[in-house]
Structure formats: C-alpha cells, structure tokens
Amino acid sequence: MASAERKSGKIDSEQRELFENAQRRIKQKKRLTTHFVIFIAGSILFIILNVVLDFGKEFKLFGTDWFVWAILLWFFFFLIHAINVFFVNKLMGKEWENKQMERLVEKQKKKIAELQQRVEKEHPLPNSNNNTSLNA
C-alpha cells in the first residue's frame, strides 16, 4: 500500500512539473501574441501620426520617414522575442536545464571526491590499531 502511494506521488509530481511547464509556455506565447497586437496597433499609430497628422513630417533619417525606422526597430525587437519563444526555448528548455544541472552536480561531486582524496593523503587520520597498541 505504501509503495503504491509513493508511485502515485511521483507521478503526481511529474504531472505537476509538466503542467507547470505547459503553463509557462502558454504565458510566453500569450505575451508574444500581446506583443504582436501592440506592435500592429503602434505601427498603425505611427503611420497615422506621420502621414495623416503630419507629426514629424520634416524629420527623416537617411532620407526615410522616422516612422519607418521606428517600425523596423520595433519589428526587430518583436523578432527577437519570437525567436526566444519558439527557438531558444526549444534548444534551452526544461530538458536542457535538467541536463545542465545533472552535469554540474556530477562535476561538483567529482571535485569534492578529488579534494577528499587529497585531504586524506595530506592529512591522514591516525589508525585505531596504533592507538590500541600504544595504550596496552
């Protein structure tokens, strides 16, 4: 009975981890979609400000209207956001984090074992056999 409870507890923790990962991905995609909607609305606003309302009509960068550069810059940031959500996360997602964690833990264990051997070699503990023979 106790082993059945342990197994179900492990399944529950694995399912919880999967659920949390899914929630995190949903939030990332939701933020990206929100970013896209704001980008489209902002781009339309920039065009209306410049073309319809003549705001900053005389300001041009390299012979191009300012709003074109603003939209391109904003699109660049949106593109970085999309790459982060869809590509970087797949390459460096939860599975990658777990592998890195395991690798670092093993590296630390190896380093601790090496240090322990070095300490034992340089500063050996006195033998218990020698102590009993001295006392007798």
Protein backbone atom coordinates (compact mmCIF):
# COMPACT_ATOMS: atom_id res chain seq x y z
CA MET A 1 0.00 0.00 0.00
CA ALA A 2 2.78 2.42 0.91
CA SER A 3 4.67 1.69 -2.31
CA ALA A 4 1.53 2.40 -4.33
CA GLU A 5 1.23 5.77 -2.62
CA ARG A 6 4.88 6.58 -3.37
CA LYS A 7 4.44 5.71 -7.04
CA SER A 8 1.33 7.84 -7.36
CA GLY A 9 3.14 10.70 -5.56
CA LYS A 10 5.95 10.54 -8.09
CA ILE A 11 3.51 10.52 -10.97
CA ASP A 12 1.73 13.48 -9.45
CA SER A 13 4.98 15.46 -9.12
CA GLU A 14 5.92 14.61 -12.71
CA GLN A 15 2.46 15.62 -13.91
CA ARG A 16 2.68 18.81 -11.87
CA GLU A 17 6.05 19.63 -13.43
CA LEU A 18 4.65 19.01 -16.92
CA PHE A 19 1.62 21.15 -16.08
CA GLU A 20 3.82 24.00 -14.79
CA ASN A 21 5.99 23.81 -17.88
CA ALA A 22 2.90 23.94 -20.09
CA GLN A 23 1.60 26.96 -18.15
CA ARG A 24 4.95 28.72 -18.57
CA ARG A 25 4.93 28.07 -22.34
CA ILE A 26 1.34 29.31 -22.61
CA LYS A 27 2.32 32.55 -20.82
CA GLN A 28 5.28 33.00 -23.16
CA LYS A 29 3.12 32.55 -26.24
CA LYS A 30 0.39 34.79 -24.80
CA ARG A 31 2.95 37.56 -24.15
CA LEU A 32 4.27 37.16 -27.70
CA THR A 33 0.76 37.45 -29.13
CA THR A 34 0.12 40.54 -26.98
CA HIS A 35 3.43 42.00 -28.18
CA PHE A 36 2.36 41.38 -31.79
CA VAL A 37 -1.04 43.06 -31.31
CA ILE A 38 0.58 46.09 -29.65
CA PHE A 39 3.19 46.19 -32.44
CA ILE A 40 0.48 46.30 -35.13
CA ALA A 41 -1.52 48.97 -33.24
CA GLY A 42 1.62 51.03 -32.58
CA SER A 43 2.71 50.78 -36.20
CA ILE A 44 -0.69 51.99 -37.38
CA LEU A 45 -0.50 54.83 -34.86
CA PHE A 46 2.97 55.84 -36.12
CA ILE A 47 1.72 55.86 -39.72
CA ILE A 48 -1.36 57.91 -38.80
CA LEU A 49 0.76 60.37 -36.79
CA ASN A 50 3.18 60.93 -39.64
CA VAL A 51 1.08 60.63 -42.78
CA VAL A 52 -2.34 61.90 -41.68
CA LEU A 53 -1.47 64.34 -38.85
CA ASP A 54 1.90 65.45 -40.31
CA PHE A 55 3.64 64.84 -36.95
CA GLY A 56 7.41 64.89 -37.53
CA LYS A 57 6.89 65.10 -41.29
CA GLU A 58 10.13 67.05 -41.71
CA PHE A 59 12.18 64.60 -39.57
CA LYS A 60 13.83 61.96 -41.76
CA LEU A 61 16.63 59.52 -41.06
CA PHE A 62 18.79 58.66 -44.09
CA GLY A 63 16.09 60.06 -46.38
CA THR A 64 13.34 57.85 -44.89
CA ASP A 65 10.44 58.92 -42.67
CA TRP A 66 11.04 58.42 -38.94
CA PHE A 67 8.05 56.11 -38.51
CA VAL A 68 9.54 53.57 -40.93
CA TRP A 69 12.68 53.34 -38.76
CA ALA A 70 10.61 53.17 -35.59
CA ILE A 71 8.51 50.33 -37.01
CA LEU A 72 11.60 48.47 -38.26
CA LEU A 73 13.30 48.80 -34.87
CA TRP A 74 10.18 47.63 -33.08
CA PHE A 75 9.84 44.71 -35.56
CA PHE A 76 13.44 43.76 -34.79
CA PHE A 77 12.60 43.55 -31.06
CA PHE A 78 9.46 41.56 -31.84
CA LEU A 79 11.51 39.17 -33.98
CA ILE A 80 13.98 38.65 -31.11
CA HIS A 81 11.04 37.95 -28.79
CA ALA A 82 9.59 35.40 -31.26
CA ILE A 83 12.97 33.68 -31.72
CA ASN A 84 13.33 33.47 -27.95
CA VAL A 85 9.88 31.91 -27.51
CA PHE A 86 9.96 29.44 -30.40
CA PHE A 87 13.61 28.52 -30.95
CA VAL A 88 15.76 29.34 -27.94
CA ASN A 89 13.23 27.85 -25.55
CA LYS A 90 13.22 24.58 -27.51
CA LEU A 91 17.00 24.47 -27.55
CA MET A 92 17.39 25.56 -23.94
CA GLY A 93 14.13 24.46 -22.37
CA LYS A 94 13.41 22.42 -19.26
CA GLU A 95 15.12 19.31 -20.60
CA TRP A 96 18.30 21.27 -21.34
CA GLU A 97 18.20 22.81 -17.85
CA ASN A 98 17.90 19.35 -16.27
CA LYS A 99 20.85 18.02 -18.29
CA GLN A 100 22.97 21.03 -17.33
CA MET A 101 22.02 20.61 -13.68
CA GLU A 102 22.97 16.92 -13.72
CA ARG A 103 26.27 17.71 -15.46
CA LEU A 104 27.17 20.40 -12.94
CA VAL A 105 26.21 18.23 -9.96
CA GLU A 106 28.40 15.39 -11.28
CA LYS A 107 31.25 17.84 -11.82
CA GLN A 108 30.90 19.10 -8.25
CA LYS A 109 30.76 15.54 -6.86
CA LYS A 110 33.92 14.68 -8.76
CA LYS A 111 35.68 17.79 -7.46
CA ILE A 112 34.60 17.01 -3.87
CA ALA A 113 35.87 13.41 -4.21
CA GLU A 114 39.21 14.69 -5.52
CA LEU A 115 39.51 17.14 -2.64
CA GLN A 116 38.59 14.42 -0.14
CA GLN A 117 41.31 12.14 -1.52
CA ARG A 118 43.82 14.98 -1.38
CA VAL A 119 42.92 15.78 2.23
CA GLU A 120 43.13 12.11 3.22
CA LYS A 121 46.54 11.82 1.53
CA GLU A 122 47.99 15.02 3.02
CA HIS A 123 46.39 14.71 6.46
CA PRO A 124 45.72 11.05 7.21
CA LEU A 125 43.72 10.14 10.27
CA PRO A 126 45.61 8.18 12.91
CA ASN A 127 44.96 4.43 12.77
CA SER A 128 42.83 2.98 15.55
CA ASN A 129 45.19 -0.06 15.68
CA ASN A 130 48.13 2.18 16.56
CA ASN A 131 46.17 3.83 19.36
CA THR A 132 45.23 0.50 20.97
CA SER A 133 48.79 -0.83 20.81
CA LEU A 134 50.11 2.35 22.45
CA ASN A 135 47.60 2.13 25.28
CA ALA A 136 48.37 -1.55 26.03
